Amino acid sequence: QVQLVESGGGLVQAGGFLRLSCAASGRISSINAMAWYRQAPGKQRELVARITTGGSTTYADSVKGRFTISRDNAKNTVYLQMNSLKPEDTAVYYCNFMRFLAPFEYWGQGTLVTVSE
């Protein structure tokens, strides 16, 4: 069973930066898009950023200009560079791979990002 393994979370002060990585433990074919979601305590999971196979990107309004998503197709890895972090960015961040074929998506286990005042 292929798994997505996230890394890079942690505690950072407001204004700081972190870089999240998410790699598949094995080969995943027919990937359509890779994305990062986050879930803050007491809130629903929300899309943070998505990147398609062709390189098109989508960002939540709250992170535009601060976060950058990128991918390495050969390594089945997606990254999230997070700059100018704010306390409201505190959440568990999950990576997600979407496929054209079943299984249609994979999820990582989540990595905690905490931004202090």
PDB file of N, CA and C in Angstrom:
ATOM      1  N   GLN A   1       0.842  -1.185   0.000  1.00  0.00           N
ATOM      2  CA  GLN A   1       0.000   0.000   0.000  1.00  0.00           C
ATOM      3  C   GLN A   1       0.887   1.249   0.000  1.00  0.00           C
ATOM      4  N   VAL A   2       0.754   2.067  -1.029  1.00  0.00           N
ATOM      5  CA  VAL A   2       1.544   3.286  -1.113  1.00  0.00           C
ATOM      6  C   VAL A   2       1.004   4.300  -0.116  1.00  0.00           C
ATOM      7  N   GLN A   3       1.916   4.987   0.551  1.00  0.00           N
ATOM      8  CA  GLN A   3       1.531   6.012   1.501  1.00  0.00           C
ATOM      9  C   GLN A   3       2.190   7.331   1.144  1.00  0.00           C
ATOM     10  N   LEU A   4       1.557   8.422   1.590  1.00  0.00           N
ATOM     11  CA  LEU A   4       2.150   9.747   1.454  1.00  0.00           C
ATOM     12  C   LEU A   4       2.757  10.124   2.797  1.00  0.00           C
ATOM     13  N   VAL A   5       4.008  10.552   2.772  1.00  0.00           N
ATOM     14  CA  VAL A   5       4.721  10.874   3.996  1.00  0.00           C
ATOM     15  C   VAL A   5       5.092  12.352   3.976  1.00  0.00           C
ATOM     16  N   GLU A   6       4.554  13.083   4.946  1.00  0.00           N
ATOM     17  CA  GLU A   6       4.808  14.515   5.036  1.00  0.00           C
ATOM     18  C   GLU A   6       5.926  14.803   6.023  1.00  0.00           C
ATOM     19  N   SER A   7       6.594  15.925   5.814  1.00  0.00           N
ATOM     20  CA  SER A   7       7.628  16.368   6.741  1.00  0.00           C
ATOM     21  C   SER A   7       7.748  17.883   6.643  1.00  0.00           C
ATOM     22  N   GLY A   8       8.400  18.465   7.651  1.00  0.00           N
ATOM     23  CA  GLY A   8       8.689  19.890   7.607  1.00  0.00           C
ATOM     24  C   GLY A   8       7.860  20.745   8.532  1.00  0.00           C
ATOM     25  N   GLY A   9       6.872  20.164   9.182  1.00  0.00           N
ATOM     26  CA  GLY A   9       6.076  20.957  10.110  1.00  0.00           C
ATOM     27  C   GLY A   9       6.854  21.286  11.368  1.00  0.00           C
ATOM     28  N   GLY A  10       6.279  22.163  12.183  1.00  0.00           N
ATOM     29  CA  GLY A  10       6.935  22.519  13.431  1.00  0.00           C
ATOM     30  C   GLY A  10       6.410  23.819  13.979  1.00  0.00           C
ATOM     31  N   LEU A  11       7.158  24.366  14.930  1.00  0.00           N
ATOM     32  CA  LEU A  11       6.802  25.614  15.591  1.00  0.00           C
ATOM     33  C   LEU A  11       7.664  26.744  15.038  1.00  0.00           C
ATOM     34  N   VAL A  12       7.020  27.845  14.687  1.00  0.00           N
ATOM     35  CA  VAL A  12       7.734  28.991  14.134  1.00  0.00           C
ATOM     36  C   VAL A  12       7.068  30.267  14.622  1.00  0.00           C
ATOM     37  N   GLN A  13       7.835  31.321  14.728  1.00  0.00           N
ATOM     38  CA  GLN A  13       7.268  32.605  15.126  1.00  0.00           C
ATOM     39  C   GLN A  13       6.596  33.282  13.948  1.00  0.00           C
ATOM     40  N   ALA A  14       5.649  34.131  14.242  1.00  0.00           N
ATOM     41  CA  ALA A  14       4.976  34.900  13.198  1.00  0.00           C
ATOM     42  C   ALA A  14       6.018  35.655  12.376  1.00  0.00           C
ATOM     43  N   GLY A  15       5.801  35.641  11.060  1.00  0.00           N
ATOM     44  CA  GLY A  15       6.762  36.260  10.154  1.00  0.00           C
ATOM     45  C   GLY A  15       7.806  35.301   9.643  1.00  0.00           C
ATOM     46  N   GLY A  16       7.894  34.127  10.235  1.00  0.00           N
ATOM     47  CA  GLY A  16       8.873  33.132   9.836  1.00  0.00           C
ATOM     48  C   GLY A  16       8.427  32.311   8.648  1.00  0.00           C
ATOM     49  N   PHE A  17       9.198  31.262   8.369  1.00  0.00           N
ATOM     50  CA  PHE A  17       8.887  30.435   7.212  1.00  0.00           C
ATOM     51  C   PHE A  17       9.108  28.962   7.540  1.00  0.00           C
ATOM     52  N   LEU A  18       8.431  28.129   6.772  1.00  0.00           N
ATOM     53  CA  LEU A  18       8.606  26.675   6.824  1.00  0.00           C
ATOM     54  C   LEU A  18       8.430  26.125   5.418  1.00  0.00           C
ATOM     55  N   ARG A  19       9.021  24.972   5.186  1.00  0.00           N
ATOM     56  CA  ARG A  19       8.838  24.284   3.912  1.00  0.00           C
ATOM     57  C   ARG A  19       8.361  22.872   4.191  1.00  0.00           C
ATOM     58  N   LEU A  20       7.170  22.564   3.700  1.00  0.00           N
ATOM     59  CA  LEU A  20       6.611  21.231   3.855  1.00  0.00           C
ATOM     60  C   LEU A  20       6.937  20.389   2.623  1.00  0.00           C
ATOM     61  N   SER A  21       7.161  19.118   2.865  1.00  0.00           N
ATOM     62  CA  SER A  21       7.385  18.166   1.785  1.00  0.00           C
ATOM     63  C   SER A  21       6.444  16.989   1.949  1.00  0.00           C
ATOM     64  N   CYS A  22       6.072  16.396   0.838  1.00  0.00           N
ATOM     65  CA  CYS A  22       5.219  15.211   0.860  1.00  0.00           C
ATOM     66  C   CYS A  22       5.682  14.284  -0.252  1.00  0.00           C
ATOM     67  N   ALA A  23       6.109  13.101   0.132  1.00  0.00           N
ATOM     68  CA  ALA A  23       6.615  12.137  -0.838  1.00  0.00           C
ATOM     69  C   ALA A  23       5.837  10.833  -0.750  1.00  0.00           C
ATOM     70  N   ALA A  24       5.622  10.226  -1.883  1.00  0.00           N
ATOM     71  CA  ALA A  24       4.974   8.918  -1.919  1.00  0.00           C
ATOM     72  C   ALA A  24       5.997   7.835  -1.586  1.00  0.00           C
ATOM     73  N   SER A  25       5.555   6.844  -0.822  1.00  0.00           N
ATOM     74  CA  SER A  25       6.467   5.768  -0.420  1.00  0.00           C
ATOM     75  C   SER A  25       6.753   4.809  -1.560  1.00  0.00           C
ATOM     76  N   GLY A  26       5.950   4.920  -2.627  1.00  0.00           N
ATOM     77  CA  GLY A  26       6.156   4.097  -3.809  1.00  0.00           C
ATOM     78  C   GLY A  26       5.698   4.849  -5.036  1.00  0.00           C
ATOM     79  N   ARG A  27       5.730   4.158  -6.153  1.00  0.00           N
ATOM     80  CA  ARG A  27       5.356   4.808  -7.403  1.00  0.00           C
ATOM     81  C   ARG A  27       3.837   4.951  -7.476  1.00  0.00           C
ATOM     82  N   ILE A  28       3.356   6.156  -7.808  1.00  0.00           N
ATOM     83  CA  ILE A  28       1.935   6.392  -8.050  1.00  0.00           C
ATOM     84  C   ILE A  28       1.801   6.912  -9.467  1.00  0.00           C
ATOM     85  N   SER A  29       1.067   6.215 -10.294  1.00  0.00           N
ATOM     86  CA  SER A  29       0.909   6.611 -11.686  1.00  0.00           C
ATOM     87  C   SER A  29      -0.385   7.403 -11.874  1.00  0.00           C
ATOM     88  N   SER A  30      -0.514   7.989 -13.033  1.00  0.00           N
ATOM     89  CA  SER A  30      -1.745   8.676 -13.450  1.00  0.00           C
ATOM     90  C   SER A  30      -2.162   9.768 -12.464  1.00  0.00           C
ATOM     91  N   ILE A  31      -1.192  10.501 -11.952  1.00  0.00           N
ATOM     92  CA  ILE A  31      -1.517  11.595 -11.044  1.00  0.00           C
ATOM     93  C   ILE A  31      -2.045  12.771 -11.841  1.00  0.00           C
ATOM     94  N   ASN A  32      -3.162  13.313 -11.389  1.00  0.00           N
ATOM     95  CA  ASN A  32      -3.776  14.477 -12.014  1.00  0.00           C
ATOM     96  C   ASN A  32      -3.299  15.752 -11.338  1.00  0.00           C
ATOM     97  N   ALA A  33      -3.362  15.763 -10.023  1.00  0.00           N
ATOM     98  CA  ALA A  33      -2.979  16.964  -9.290  1.00  0.00           C
ATOM     99  C   ALA A  33      -2.462  16.583  -7.910  1.00  0.00           C
ATOM    100  N   MET A  34      -1.685  17.480  -7.355  1.00  0.00           N
ATOM    101  CA  MET A  34      -1.210  17.349  -5.975  1.00  0.00           C
ATOM    102  C   MET A  34      -1.642  18.595  -5.225  1.00  0.00           C
ATOM    103  N   ALA A  35      -1.943  18.439  -3.969  1.00  0.00           N
ATOM    104  CA  ALA A  35      -2.472  19.577  -3.224  1.00  0.00           C
ATOM    105  C   ALA A  35      -2.088  19.504  -1.751  1.00  0.00           C
ATOM    106  N   TRP A  36      -2.235  20.654  -1.110  1.00  0.00           N
ATOM    107  CA  TRP A  36      -2.104  20.757   0.345  1.00  0.00           C
ATOM    108  C   TRP A  36      -3.423  21.286   0.902  1.00  0.00           C
ATOM    109  N   TYR A  37      -3.896  20.637   1.938  1.00  0.00           N
ATOM    110  CA  TYR A  37      -5.057  21.076   2.692  1.00  0.00           C
ATOM    111  C   TYR A  37      -4.600  21.345   4.123  1.00  0.00           C
ATOM    112  N   ARG A  38      -5.436  22.041   4.865  1.00  0.00           N
ATOM    113  CA  ARG A  38      -5.144  22.237   6.290  1.00  0.00           C
ATOM    114  C   ARG A  38      -6.440  22.222   7.083  1.00  0.00           C
ATOM    115  N   GLN A  39      -6.291  21.858   8.338  1.00  0.00           N
ATOM    116  CA  GLN A  39      -7.433  21.849   9.242  1.00  0.00           C
ATOM    117  C   GLN A  39      -7.005  22.412  10.581  1.00  0.00           C
ATOM    118  N   ALA A  40      -7.613  23.533  10.930  1.00  0.00           N
ATOM    119  CA  ALA A  40      -7.352  24.166  12.213  1.00  0.00           C
ATOM    120  C   ALA A  40      -8.332  23.611  13.249  1.00  0.00           C
ATOM    121  N   PRO A  41      -7.986  23.699  14.532  1.00  0.00           N
ATOM    122  CA  PRO A  41      -8.884  23.180  15.571  1.00  0.00           C
ATOM    123  C   PRO A  41     -10.272  23.780  15.462  1.00  0.00           C
ATOM    124  N   GLY A  42     -11.286  22.912  15.447  1.00  0.00           N
ATOM    125  CA  GLY A  42     -12.662  23.364  15.405  1.00  0.00           C
ATOM    126  C   GLY A  42     -13.138  23.837  14.048  1.00  0.00           C
ATOM    127  N   LYS A  43     -12.302  23.686  13.019  1.00  0.00           N
ATOM    128  CA  LYS A  43     -12.685  24.148  11.681  1.00  0.00           C
ATOM    129  C   LYS A  43     -12.646  22.991  10.689  1.00  0.00           C
ATOM    130  N   GLN A  44     -13.292  23.209   9.551  1.00  0.00           N
ATOM    131  CA  GLN A  44     -13.287  22.201   8.504  1.00  0.00           C
ATOM    132  C   GLN A  44     -11.960  22.232   7.742  1.00  0.00           C
ATOM    133  N   ARG A  45     -11.656  21.101   7.144  1.00  0.00           N
ATOM    134  CA  ARG A  45     -10.468  21.033   6.310  1.00  0.00           C
ATOM    135  C   ARG A  45     -10.678  21.926   5.085  1.00  0.00           C
ATOM    136  N   GLU A  46      -9.642  22.672   4.712  1.00  0.00           N
ATOM    137  CA  GLU A  46      -9.752  23.584   3.579  1.00  0.00           C
ATOM    138  C   GLU A  46      -8.554  23.421   2.643  1.00  0.00           C
ATOM    139  N   LEU A  47      -8.809  23.703   1.379  1.00  0.00           N
ATOM    140  CA  LEU A  47      -7.744  23.663   0.390  1.00  0.00           C
ATOM    141  C   LEU A  47      -6.815  24.858   0.586  1.00  0.00           C
ATOM    142  N   VAL A  48      -5.528  24.594   0.621  1.00  0.00           N
ATOM    143  CA  VAL A  48      -4.530  25.649   0.718  1.00  0.00           C
ATOM    144  C   VAL A  48      -3.956  25.960  -0.670  1.00  0.00           C
ATOM    145  N   ALA A  49      -3.541  24.924  -1.386  1.00  0.00           N
ATOM    146  CA  ALA A  49      -2.942  25.113  -2.704  1.00  0.00           C
ATOM    147  C   ALA A  49      -3.013  23.807  -3.476  1.00  0.00           C
ATOM    148  N   ARG A  50      -3.105  23.926  -4.794  1.00  0.00           N
ATOM    149  CA  ARG A  50      -3.152  22.763  -5.674  1.00  0.00           C
ATOM    150  C   ARG A  50      -2.300  23.048  -6.897  1.00  0.00           C
ATOM    151  N   ILE A  51      -1.633  21.994  -7.386  1.00  0.00           N
ATOM    152  CA  ILE A  51      -0.860  22.117  -8.612  1.00  0.00           C
ATOM    153  C   ILE A  51      -1.173  20.925  -9.498  1.00  0.00           C
ATOM    154  N   THR A  52      -1.455  21.191 -10.773  1.00  0.00           N
ATOM    155  CA  THR A  52      -1.787  20.126 -11.703  1.00  0.00           C
ATOM    156  C   THR A  52      -0.518  19.562 -12.346  1.00  0.00           C
ATOM    157  N   THR A  53      -0.712  18.490 -13.087  1.00  0.00           N
ATOM    158  CA  THR A  53       0.410  17.880 -13.787  1.00  0.00           C
ATOM    159  C   THR A  53       1.076  18.876 -14.725  1.00  0.00           C
ATOM    160  N   GLY A  54       0.250  19.737 -15.314  1.00  0.00           N
ATOM    161  CA  GLY A  54       0.767  20.733 -16.234  1.00  0.00           C
ATOM    162  C   GLY A  54       1.396  21.936 -15.566  1.00  0.00           C
ATOM    163  N   GLY A  55       1.285  22.010 -14.253  1.00  0.00           N
ATOM    164  CA  GLY A  55       1.912  23.110 -13.539  1.00  0.00           C
ATOM    165  C   GLY A  55       0.990  24.253 -13.162  1.00  0.00           C
ATOM    166  N   SER A  56      -0.280  24.150 -13.486  1.00  0.00           N
ATOM    167  CA  SER A  56      -1.226  25.194 -13.098  1.00  0.00           C
ATOM    168  C   SER A  56      -1.458  25.148 -11.591  1.00  0.00           C
ATOM    169  N   THR A  57      -1.513  26.325 -10.987  1.00  0.00           N
ATOM    170  CA  THR A  57      -1.646  26.396  -9.529  1.00  0.00           C
ATOM    171  C   THR A  57      -2.904  27.147  -9.105  1.00  0.00           C
ATOM    172  N   THR A  58      -3.406  26.756  -7.958  1.00  0.00           N
ATOM    173  CA  THR A  58      -4.550  27.408  -7.323  1.00  0.00           C
ATOM    174  C   THR A  58      -4.202  27.611  -5.866  1.00  0.00           C
ATOM    175  N   TYR A  59      -4.547  28.791  -5.334  1.00  0.00           N
ATOM    176  CA  TYR A  59      -4.265  29.094  -3.934  1.00  0.00           C
ATOM    177  C   TYR A  59      -5.517  29.633  -3.244  1.00  0.00           C
ATOM    178  N   ALA A  60      -5.617  29.334  -1.968  1.00  0.00           N
ATOM    179  CA  ALA A  60      -6.625  29.980  -1.145  1.00  0.00           C
ATOM    180  C   ALA A  60      -6.276  31.456  -1.049  1.00  0.00           C
ATOM    181  N   ASP A  61      -7.300  32.289  -0.999  1.00  0.00           N
ATOM    182  CA  ASP A  61      -7.063  33.740  -0.937  1.00  0.00           C
ATOM    183  C   ASP A  61      -6.193  34.112   0.264  1.00  0.00           C
ATOM    184  N   SER A  62      -6.355  33.392   1.346  1.00  0.00           N
ATOM    185  CA  SER A  62      -5.655  33.729   2.585  1.00  0.00           C
ATOM    186  C   SER A  62      -4.146  33.496   2.512  1.00  0.00           C
ATOM    187  N   VAL A  63      -3.683  32.733   1.514  1.00  0.00           N
ATOM    188  CA  VAL A  63      -2.248  32.435   1.434  1.00  0.00           C
ATOM    189  C   VAL A  63      -1.597  32.973   0.168  1.00  0.00           C
ATOM    190  N   LYS A  64      -2.375  33.566  -0.703  1.00  0.00           N
ATOM    191  CA  LYS A  64      -1.810  34.094  -1.943  1.00  0.00           C
ATOM    192  C   LYS A  64      -0.712  35.114  -1.649  1.00  0.00           C
ATOM    193  N   GLY A  65       0.380  34.969  -2.367  1.00  0.00           N
ATOM    194  CA  GLY A  65       1.504  35.879  -2.178  1.00  0.00           C
ATOM    195  C   GLY A  65       2.445  35.469  -1.062  1.00  0.00           C
ATOM    196  N   ARG A  66       2.048  34.502  -0.240  1.00  0.00           N
ATOM    197  CA  ARG A  66       2.889  34.054   0.871  1.00  0.00           C
ATOM    198  C   ARG A  66       3.336  32.600   0.710  1.00  0.00           C
ATOM    199  N   PHE A  67       2.477  31.775   0.157  1.00  0.00           N
ATOM    200  CA  PHE A  67       2.766  30.349  -0.003  1.00  0.00           C
ATOM    201  C   PHE A  67       3.011  30.037  -1.471  1.00  0.00           C
ATOM    202  N   THR A  68       3.884  29.060  -1.705  1.00  0.00           N
ATOM    203  CA  THR A  68       4.160  28.598  -3.060  1.00  0.00           C
ATOM    204  C   THR A  68       4.176  27.076  -3.085  1.00  0.00           C
ATOM    205  N   ILE A  69       3.371  26.509  -3.974  1.00  0.00           N
ATOM    206  CA  ILE A  69       3.345  25.058  -4.138  1.00  0.00           C
ATOM    207  C   ILE A  69       4.189  24.684  -5.347  1.00  0.00           C
ATOM    208  N   SER A  70       4.914  23.588  -5.242  1.00  0.00           N
ATOM    209  CA  SER A  70       5.716  23.099  -6.363  1.00  0.00           C
ATOM    210  C   SER A  70       5.742  21.575  -6.306  1.00  0.00           C
ATOM    211  N   ARG A  71       6.163  20.948  -7.384  1.00  0.00           N
ATOM    212  CA  ARG A  71       6.156  19.494  -7.427  1.00  0.00           C
ATOM    213  C   ARG A  71       7.346  18.986  -8.224  1.00  0.00           C
ATOM    214  N   ASP A  72       7.744  17.776  -7.901  1.00  0.00           N
ATOM    215  CA  ASP A  72       8.777  17.062  -8.648  1.00  0.00           C
ATOM    216  C   ASP A  72       8.113  15.784  -9.138  1.00  0.00           C
ATOM    217  N   ASN A  73       7.706  15.765 -10.393  1.00  0.00           N
ATOM    218  CA  ASN A  73       6.971  14.627 -10.916  1.00  0.00           C
ATOM    219  C   ASN A  73       7.795  13.339 -10.871  1.00  0.00           C
ATOM    220  N   ALA A  74       9.067  13.456 -11.137  1.00  0.00           N
ATOM    221  CA  ALA A  74       9.916  12.260 -11.170  1.00  0.00           C
ATOM    222  C   ALA A  74      10.014  11.611  -9.796  1.00  0.00           C
ATOM    223  N   LYS A  75       9.930  12.434  -8.761  1.00  0.00           N
ATOM    224  CA  LYS A  75      10.043  11.919  -7.392  1.00  0.00           C
ATOM    225  C   LYS A  75       8.700  11.745  -6.713  1.00  0.00           C
ATOM    226  N   ASN A  76       7.605  12.030  -7.433  1.00  0.00           N
ATOM    227  CA  ASN A  76       6.270  11.963  -6.818  1.00  0.00           C
ATOM    228  C   ASN A  76       6.250  12.734  -5.494  1.00  0.00           C
ATOM    229  N   THR A  77       6.757  13.956  -5.540  1.00  0.00           N
ATOM    230  CA  THR A  77       6.874  14.772  -4.340  1.00  0.00           C
ATOM    231  C   THR A  77       6.271  16.147  -4.582  1.00  0.00           C
ATOM    232  N   VAL A  78       5.596  16.648  -3.573  1.00  0.00           N
ATOM    233  CA  VAL A  78       5.039  17.991  -3.636  1.00  0.00           C
ATOM    234  C   VAL A  78       5.554  18.782  -2.445  1.00  0.00           C
ATOM    235  N   TYR A  79       5.762  20.070  -2.655  1.00  0.00           N
ATOM    236  CA  TYR A  79       6.310  20.947  -1.630  1.00  0.00           C
ATOM    237  C   TYR A  79       5.370  22.123  -1.388  1.00  0.00           C
ATOM    238  N   LEU A  80       5.468  22.692  -0.208  1.00  0.00           N
ATOM    239  CA  LEU A  80       4.738  23.921   0.099  1.00  0.00           C
ATOM    240  C   LEU A  80       5.695  24.835   0.846  1.00  0.00           C
ATOM    241  N   GLN A  81       6.115  25.894   0.179  1.00  0.00           N
ATOM    242  CA  GLN A  81       6.951  26.905   0.807  1.00  0.00           C
ATOM    243  C   GLN A  81       6.029  27.929   1.436  1.00  0.00           C
ATOM    244  N   MET A  82       6.156  28.109   2.737  1.00  0.00           N
ATOM    245  CA  MET A  82       5.272  29.012   3.474  1.00  0.00           C
ATOM    246  C   MET A  82       6.105  30.131   4.072  1.00  0.00           C
ATOM    247  N   ASN A  83       5.876  31.345   3.587  1.00  0.00           N
ATOM    248  CA  ASN A  83       6.593  32.528   4.074  1.00  0.00           C
ATOM    249  C   ASN A  83       5.636  33.455   4.802  1.00  0.00           C
ATOM    250  N   SER A  84       6.195  34.385   5.541  1.00  0.00           N
ATOM    251  CA  SER A  84       5.392  35.382   6.269  1.00  0.00           C
ATOM    252  C   SER A  84       4.250  34.727   7.031  1.00  0.00           C
ATOM    253  N   LEU A  85       4.580  33.702   7.772  1.00  0.00           N
ATOM    254  CA  LEU A  85       3.553  32.942   8.472  1.00  0.00           C
ATOM    255  C   LEU A  85       2.852  33.775   9.526  1.00  0.00           C
ATOM    256  N   LYS A  86       1.575  33.481   9.692  1.00  0.00           N
ATOM    257  CA  LYS A  86       0.725  34.177  10.649  1.00  0.00           C
ATOM    258  C   LYS A  86       0.150  33.165  11.645  1.00  0.00           C
ATOM    259  N   PRO A  87      -0.222  33.626  12.829  1.00  0.00           N
ATOM    260  CA  PRO A  87      -0.827  32.697  13.795  1.00  0.00           C
ATOM    261  C   PRO A  87      -2.043  31.964  13.226  1.00  0.00           C
ATOM    262  N   GLU A  88      -2.791  32.612  12.354  1.00  0.00           N
ATOM    263  CA  GLU A  88      -3.972  31.961  11.767  1.00  0.00           C
ATOM    264  C   GLU A  88      -3.621  30.871  10.766  1.00  0.00           C
ATOM    265  N   ASP A  89      -2.340  30.709  10.444  1.00  0.00           N
ATOM    266  CA  ASP A  89      -1.911  29.590   9.604  1.00  0.00           C
ATOM    267  C   ASP A  89      -1.715  28.315  10.431  1.00  0.00           C
ATOM    268  N   THR A  90      -1.841  28.423  11.737  1.00  0.00           N
ATOM    269  CA  THR A  90      -1.688  27.252  12.596  1.00  0.00           C
ATOM    270  C   THR A  90      -2.754  26.213  12.267  1.00  0.00           C
ATOM    271  N   ALA A  91      -2.301  24.999  11.959  1.00  0.00           N
ATOM    272  CA  ALA A  91      -3.211  23.926  11.557  1.00  0.00           C
ATOM    273  C   ALA A  91      -2.413  22.651  11.328  1.00  0.00           C
ATOM    274  N   VAL A  92      -3.128  21.565  11.151  1.00  0.00           N
ATOM    275  CA  VAL A  92      -2.514  20.343  10.636  1.00  0.00           C
ATOM    276  C   VAL A  92      -2.614  20.406   9.111  1.00  0.00           C
ATOM    277  N   TYR A  93      -1.492  20.227   8.448  1.00  0.00           N
ATOM    278  CA  TYR A  93      -1.434  20.298   6.996  1.00  0.00           C
ATOM    279  C   TYR A  93      -1.365  18.890   6.416  1.00  0.00           C
ATOM    280  N   TYR A  94      -2.206  18.645   5.422  1.00  0.00           N
ATOM    281  CA  TYR A  94      -2.298  17.342   4.786  1.00  0.00           C
ATOM    282  C   TYR A  94      -1.977  17.464   3.298  1.00  0.00           C
ATOM    283  N   CYS A  95      -1.218  16.526   2.787  1.00  0.00           N
ATOM    284  CA  CYS A  95      -1.023  16.508   1.341  1.00  0.00           C
ATOM    285  C   CYS A  95      -2.019  15.522   0.723  1.00  0.00           C
ATOM    286  N   ASN A  96      -2.297  15.759  -0.537  1.00  0.00           N
ATOM    287  CA  ASN A  96      -3.309  14.982  -1.258  1.00  0.00           C
ATOM    288  C   ASN A  96      -2.872  14.786  -2.701  1.00  0.00           C
ATOM    289  N   PHE A  97      -2.918  13.564  -3.175  1.00  0.00           N
ATOM    290  CA  PHE A  97      -2.649  13.263  -4.578  1.00  0.00           C
ATOM    291  C   PHE A  97      -3.954  12.802  -5.222  1.00  0.00           C
ATOM    292  N   MET A  98      -4.317  13.380  -6.344  1.00  0.00           N
ATOM    293  CA  MET A  98      -5.517  12.979  -7.061  1.00  0.00           C
ATOM    294  C   MET A  98      -5.098  12.256  -8.340  1.00  0.00           C
ATOM    295  N   ARG A  99      -5.810  11.156  -8.650  1.00  0.00           N
ATOM    296  CA  ARG A  99      -5.489  10.351  -9.814  1.00  0.00           C
ATOM    297  C   ARG A  99      -6.664  10.297 -10.772  1.00  0.00           C
ATOM    298  N   PHE A 100      -6.348   9.969 -12.040  1.00  0.00           N
ATOM    299  CA  PHE A 100      -7.395   9.761 -13.040  1.00  0.00           C
ATOM    300  C   PHE A 100      -8.065   8.410 -12.842  1.00  0.00           C
ATOM    301  N   LEU A 101      -7.360   7.472 -12.184  1.00  0.00           N
ATOM    302  CA  LEU A 101      -7.852   6.111 -12.020  1.00  0.00           C
ATOM    303  C   LEU A 101      -7.996   5.792 -10.545  1.00  0.00           C
ATOM    304  N   ALA A 102      -8.780   4.761 -10.230  1.00  0.00           N
ATOM    305  CA  ALA A 102      -8.920   4.315  -8.850  1.00  0.00           C
ATOM    306  C   ALA A 102      -7.626   3.676  -8.371  1.00  0.00           C
ATOM    307  N   PRO A 103      -7.231   3.862  -7.147  1.00  0.00           N
ATOM    308  CA  PRO A 103      -7.855   4.755  -6.172  1.00  0.00           C
ATOM    309  C   PRO A 103      -7.664   6.205  -6.584  1.00  0.00           C
ATOM    310  N   PHE A 104      -8.710   6.982  -6.465  1.00  0.00           N
ATOM    311  CA  PHE A 104      -8.724   8.323  -7.034  1.00  0.00           C
ATOM    312  C   PHE A 104      -7.956   9.345  -6.227  1.00  0.00           C
ATOM    313  N   GLU A 105      -7.666   9.046  -4.982  1.00  0.00           N
ATOM    314  CA  GLU A 105      -6.851   9.966  -4.228  1.00  0.00           C
ATOM    315  C   GLU A 105      -6.155   9.265  -3.069  1.00  0.00           C
ATOM    316  N   TYR A 106      -5.052   9.885  -2.648  1.00  0.00           N
ATOM    317  CA  TYR A 106      -4.283   9.475  -1.490  1.00  0.00           C
ATOM    318  C   TYR A 106      -4.163  10.680  -0.562  1.00  0.00           C
ATOM    319  N   TRP A 107      -4.097  10.373   0.733  1.00  0.00           N
ATOM    320  CA  TRP A 107      -3.914  11.425   1.739  1.00  0.00           C
ATOM    321  C   TRP A 107      -2.716  11.101   2.620  1.00  0.00           C
ATOM    322  N   GLY A 108      -2.010  12.154   3.015  1.00  0.00           N
ATOM    323  CA  GLY A 108      -0.964  11.981   4.000  1.00  0.00           C
ATOM    324  C   GLY A 108      -1.551  11.952   5.404  1.00  0.00           C
ATOM    325  N   GLN A 109      -0.699  11.702   6.382  1.00  0.00           N
ATOM    326  CA  GLN A 109      -1.173  11.562   7.763  1.00  0.00           C
ATOM    327  C   GLN A 109      -1.287  12.906   8.466  1.00  0.00           C
ATOM    328  N   GLY A 110      -0.725  13.939   7.854  1.00  0.00           N
ATOM    329  CA  GLY A 110      -0.794  15.280   8.428  1.00  0.00           C
ATOM    330  C   GLY A 110       0.466  15.658   9.173  1.00  0.00           C
ATOM    331  N   THR A 111       0.804  16.940   9.096  1.00  0.00           N
ATOM    332  CA  THR A 111       1.935  17.466   9.847  1.00  0.00           C
ATOM    333  C   THR A 111       1.511  18.787  10.480  1.00  0.00           C
ATOM    334  N   LEU A 112       1.838  18.961  11.744  1.00  0.00           N
ATOM    335  CA  LEU A 112       1.366  20.117  12.501  1.00  0.00           C
ATOM    336  C   LEU A 112       2.269  21.317  12.280  1.00  0.00           C
ATOM    337  N   VAL A 113       1.636  22.427  11.955  1.00  0.00           N
ATOM    338  CA  VAL A 113       2.328  23.712  11.851  1.00  0.00           C
ATOM    339  C   VAL A 113       1.731  24.636  12.913  1.00  0.00           C
ATOM    340  N   THR A 114       2.591  25.153  13.773  1.00  0.00           N
ATOM    341  CA  THR A 114       2.157  26.061  14.824  1.00  0.00           C
ATOM    342  C   THR A 114       2.915  27.367  14.676  1.00  0.00           C
ATOM    343  N   VAL A 115       2.165  28.461  14.555  1.00  0.00           N
ATOM    344  CA  VAL A 115       2.768  29.782  14.405  1.00  0.00           C
ATOM    345  C   VAL A 115       2.437  30.587  15.660  1.00  0.00           C
ATOM    346  N   SER A 116       3.471  30.983  16.374  1.00  0.00           N
ATOM    347  CA  SER A 116       3.273  31.740  17.619  1.00  0.00           C
ATOM    348  C   SER A 116       3.322  33.240  17.340  1.00  0.00           C
ATOM    349  N   GLU A 117       2.724  33.993  18.280  1.00  0.00           N
ATOM    350  CA  GLU A 117       2.683  35.457  18.127  1.00  0.00           C
ATOM    351  C   GLU A 117       4.082  36.036  18.162  1.00  0.00           C
TER     352      GLU A 117
END
